[in-house]
Amino acid sequence: MSIPNVKIANENMQTAEVSINFQRLDETQLVSYFVKPEHLESVFREVIRRHQKTVYTYVRNMLLSHEDADDVTQNVFIKIWQNLHTFRGESKLSTWIYRIASNETITHLRKVKPTIDFDEAQPEFADSLSTEPYLSSEAIERKLQKALCYLPYKQKLVFVLRYFEDMSYDEISDLTQTSVGALKSSYHQAVQKIEIYLNVL
């Protein structure tokens, strides 16, 4: 994915007087530059460098299709660019980015399937796995991706964030505004269903 082709306002393109190595900054230090127009483009490039791969992987696990995931990832970083100056560290930067990625994923699903019911599984999406050239050919990975299609969206979301993204329940709770207890229950149900599906698919 290339850097989103977004229109950058002239006032945000001021030349910084001091050269800063943004790669060496921790998250808090990096966020402190979000409000400095002369550094905004450099900061944005660093955000892309740090988070592009994880955003794409997350979206890909939710959508399966490489092309769809690539498009949505592009949209995610456009939204990040448009709202970067408004982020004040009220949550972790990664949580804020995952929230944008989740919203863009839902927007995409509603666009391609206007009647989608997020409380129901979408097993028809499993059909695309056989023609998807970018997925690993490992049989167990393909079976796992197929099994995920048989989960309701919310259970799939929790499973992907916990299993693939290795997020804590507290982080997922902050992201989804759902209690930790409910998330643990949802994850447990998802694991049980996946174990069943892996035995029959």
Protein backbone atom coordinates (compact mmCIF):
# COMPACT_ATOMS: atom_id res chain seq x y z
CA MET A 1 0.00 0.00 0.00
CA SER A 2 1.30 3.42 -0.88
CA ILE A 3 0.76 6.52 1.22
CA PRO A 4 -2.85 7.66 0.68
CA ASN A 5 -3.14 10.19 -2.10
CA VAL A 6 -4.83 12.78 0.06
CA LYS A 7 -4.84 16.51 -0.43
CA ILE A 8 -2.60 18.09 2.18
CA ALA A 9 -3.47 21.67 3.03
CA ASN A 10 -0.70 24.21 2.42
CA GLU A 11 -0.63 25.23 6.07
CA ASN A 12 0.19 21.61 6.94
CA MET A 13 3.12 21.56 4.54
CA GLN A 14 5.29 24.06 6.37
CA THR A 15 8.94 23.15 6.45
CA ALA A 16 10.11 22.06 9.88
CA GLU A 17 13.07 24.02 11.18
CA VAL A 18 14.47 21.10 13.15
CA SER A 19 15.07 17.63 11.76
CA ILE A 20 13.58 14.97 14.04
CA ASN A 21 14.05 11.21 13.90
CA PHE A 22 10.42 10.19 14.45
CA GLN A 23 11.32 6.49 14.38
CA ARG A 24 13.05 6.90 17.75
CA LEU A 25 10.08 8.49 19.49
CA ASP A 26 7.80 6.50 21.76
CA GLU A 27 4.04 6.74 21.24
CA THR A 28 3.50 9.61 23.70
CA GLN A 29 6.29 11.65 22.13
CA LEU A 30 5.00 10.93 18.62
CA VAL A 31 1.44 11.96 19.54
CA SER A 32 2.74 15.29 20.90
CA TYR A 33 3.69 16.24 17.33
CA PHE A 34 0.16 15.65 15.96
CA VAL A 35 -0.74 19.26 16.71
CA LYS A 36 2.33 20.75 15.02
CA PRO A 37 1.47 21.48 11.36
CA GLU A 38 5.10 21.74 10.29
CA HIS A 39 5.70 18.11 11.36
CA LEU A 40 2.33 16.59 10.46
CA GLU A 41 3.34 14.95 7.18
CA SER A 42 6.46 13.37 8.72
CA VAL A 43 4.46 12.15 11.70
CA PHE A 44 1.84 10.68 9.38
CA ARG A 45 4.50 8.78 7.45
CA GLU A 46 5.79 7.37 10.73
CA VAL A 47 2.28 6.29 11.73
CA ILE A 48 2.00 4.47 8.40
CA ARG A 49 5.40 2.83 8.88
CA ARG A 50 4.46 1.57 12.34
CA HIS A 51 0.88 0.49 11.72
CA GLN A 52 0.38 -0.29 8.02
CA LYS A 53 1.16 -4.01 8.28
CA THR A 54 -0.96 -4.62 11.38
CA VAL A 55 -3.93 -2.68 9.96
CA TYR A 56 -3.78 -4.60 6.68
CA THR A 57 -3.49 -7.96 8.49
CA TYR A 58 -6.41 -7.14 10.77
CA VAL A 59 -8.64 -5.97 7.91
CA ARG A 60 -7.58 -8.94 5.79
CA ASN A 61 -8.59 -11.37 8.53
CA MET A 62 -11.99 -9.69 8.69
CA LEU A 63 -12.61 -9.43 4.94
CA LEU A 64 -10.46 -12.28 3.49
CA SER A 65 -10.03 -10.63 0.09
CA HIS A 66 -6.63 -9.04 -0.57
CA GLU A 67 -8.10 -6.39 -2.88
CA ASP A 68 -10.83 -5.46 -0.40
CA ALA A 69 -8.34 -5.37 2.47
CA ASP A 70 -5.96 -3.20 0.47
CA ASP A 71 -8.73 -0.74 -0.41
CA VAL A 72 -10.00 -0.57 3.16
CA THR A 73 -6.47 -0.15 4.54
CA GLN A 74 -6.03 2.78 2.16
CA ASN A 75 -9.28 4.30 3.45
CA VAL A 76 -8.18 3.75 7.05
CA PHE A 77 -5.03 5.82 6.55
CA ILE A 78 -6.94 8.53 4.72
CA LYS A 79 -9.23 8.78 7.76
CA ILE A 80 -6.21 8.80 10.05
CA TRP A 81 -4.66 11.64 8.04
CA GLN A 82 -7.90 13.63 8.11
CA ASN A 83 -8.24 13.24 11.89
CA LEU A 84 -4.63 13.09 13.06
CA HIS A 85 -4.70 16.62 14.43
CA THR A 86 -7.73 15.78 16.62
CA PHE A 87 -6.14 12.84 18.45
CA ARG A 88 -5.07 13.81 21.96
CA GLY A 89 -4.03 10.49 23.46
CA GLU A 90 -7.32 9.81 25.22
CA SER A 91 -6.71 6.15 24.34
CA LYS A 92 -3.73 4.27 22.97
CA LEU A 93 -2.87 5.28 19.42
CA SER A 94 -3.12 1.67 18.26
CA THR A 95 -6.61 1.36 19.80
CA TRP A 96 -7.72 4.54 18.01
CA ILE A 97 -6.35 3.15 14.73
CA TYR A 98 -8.05 -0.23 15.24
CA ARG A 99 -11.33 1.61 15.90
CA ILE A 100 -11.02 3.43 12.59
CA ALA A 101 -10.10 0.16 10.85
CA SER A 102 -13.13 -1.57 12.40
CA ASN A 103 -15.47 1.21 11.30
CA GLU A 104 -14.05 1.21 7.76
CA THR A 105 -14.40 -2.58 7.59
CA ILE A 106 -18.04 -2.36 8.62
CA THR A 107 -18.63 0.44 6.09
CA HIS A 108 -17.12 -1.73 3.36
CA LEU A 109 -19.22 -4.76 4.33
CA ARG A 110 -22.39 -2.67 4.28
CA LYS A 111 -21.44 -1.35 0.85
CA VAL A 112 -20.86 -4.79 -0.70
CA LYS A 113 -23.71 -6.43 1.20
CA PRO A 114 -26.35 -3.81 2.11
CA THR A 115 -28.60 -6.36 3.85
CA ILE A 116 -25.84 -7.78 6.05
CA ASP A 117 -26.90 -8.85 9.54
CA PHE A 118 -23.91 -8.55 11.85
CA ASP A 119 -25.57 -10.86 14.39
CA GLU A 120 -25.57 -13.69 11.85
CA ALA A 121 -22.70 -15.68 10.35
CA GLN A 122 -21.71 -15.06 6.74
CA PRO A 123 -20.74 -18.55 5.48
CA GLU A 124 -21.07 -17.45 1.85
CA PHE A 125 -17.84 -15.51 2.29
CA ALA A 126 -16.06 -18.86 2.67
CA ASP A 127 -16.64 -19.49 -1.04
CA SER A 128 -14.15 -16.78 -1.92
CA LEU A 129 -11.34 -18.59 -0.13
CA SER A 130 -10.89 -21.14 -2.89
CA THR A 131 -10.15 -18.39 -5.43
CA GLU A 132 -8.14 -16.07 -3.18
CA PRO A 133 -4.51 -16.29 -4.37
CA TYR A 134 -2.95 -14.28 -1.56
CA LEU A 135 -3.95 -16.53 1.32
CA SER A 136 -1.50 -19.09 2.61
CA SER A 137 -1.85 -22.50 1.02
CA GLU A 138 -1.44 -24.14 4.43
CA ALA A 139 -4.51 -26.32 4.86
CA ILE A 140 -5.01 -25.54 8.55
CA GLU A 141 -4.84 -21.77 7.98
CA ARG A 142 -7.32 -22.01 5.13
CA LYS A 143 -9.65 -24.12 7.29
CA LEU A 144 -9.38 -21.59 10.13
CA GLN A 145 -10.22 -18.70 7.80
CA LYS A 146 -13.18 -20.68 6.49
CA ALA A 147 -14.35 -21.45 10.03
CA LEU A 148 -14.28 -17.73 10.86
CA CYS A 149 -16.92 -17.17 8.17
CA TYR A 150 -19.32 -19.25 10.28
CA LEU A 151 -19.07 -16.87 13.24
CA PRO A 152 -21.32 -13.85 13.79
CA TYR A 153 -19.37 -10.67 13.07
CA LYS A 154 -18.97 -9.63 16.72
CA GLN A 155 -17.58 -13.03 17.71
CA LYS A 156 -15.26 -12.98 14.72
CA LEU A 157 -14.09 -9.49 15.67
CA VAL A 158 -13.25 -10.54 19.23
CA PHE A 159 -11.52 -13.73 18.06
CA VAL A 160 -9.42 -11.91 15.45
CA LEU A 161 -8.35 -9.20 17.89
CA ARG A 162 -7.51 -11.69 20.64
CA TYR A 163 -6.06 -14.57 18.62
CA PHE A 164 -4.41 -12.88 15.62
CA GLU A 165 -3.71 -9.40 17.00
CA ASP A 166 -2.85 -10.59 20.54
CA MET A 167 -4.80 -7.76 22.15
CA SER A 168 -5.70 -7.94 25.82
CA TYR A 169 -9.34 -8.06 26.88
CA ASP A 170 -8.93 -4.59 28.39
CA GLU A 171 -7.71 -3.23 25.04
CA ILE A 172 -10.56 -4.93 23.17
CA SER A 173 -12.99 -3.57 25.76
CA ASP A 174 -11.69 -0.04 25.15
CA LEU A 175 -11.97 -0.55 21.40
CA THR A 176 -15.43 -2.11 21.31
CA GLN A 177 -16.98 -0.47 24.40
CA THR A 178 -17.94 -3.95 25.63
CA SER A 179 -17.35 -5.34 29.12
CA VAL A 180 -14.40 -7.68 29.65
CA GLY A 181 -16.76 -10.38 30.95
CA ALA A 182 -18.89 -10.25 27.79
CA LEU A 183 -15.75 -10.35 25.62
CA LYS A 184 -14.39 -13.41 27.42
CA SER A 185 -17.72 -15.16 26.95
CA SER A 186 -17.82 -14.21 23.27
CA TYR A 187 -14.25 -15.42 22.72
CA HIS A 188 -14.97 -18.71 24.50
CA GLN A 189 -18.06 -19.28 22.32
CA ALA A 190 -16.06 -18.44 19.20
CA VAL A 191 -13.34 -20.93 20.12
CA GLN A 192 -15.91 -23.66 20.73
CA LYS A 193 -17.59 -23.04 17.38
CA ILE A 194 -14.27 -22.91 15.53
CA GLU A 195 -13.18 -26.23 17.06
CA ILE A 196 -16.43 -27.78 15.82
CA TYR A 197 -16.09 -26.27 12.35
CA LEU A 198 -12.47 -27.36 12.02
CA ASN A 199 -13.60 -30.94 12.58
CA VAL A 200 -16.31 -30.83 9.91
CA LEU A 201 -15.02 -28.48 7.22
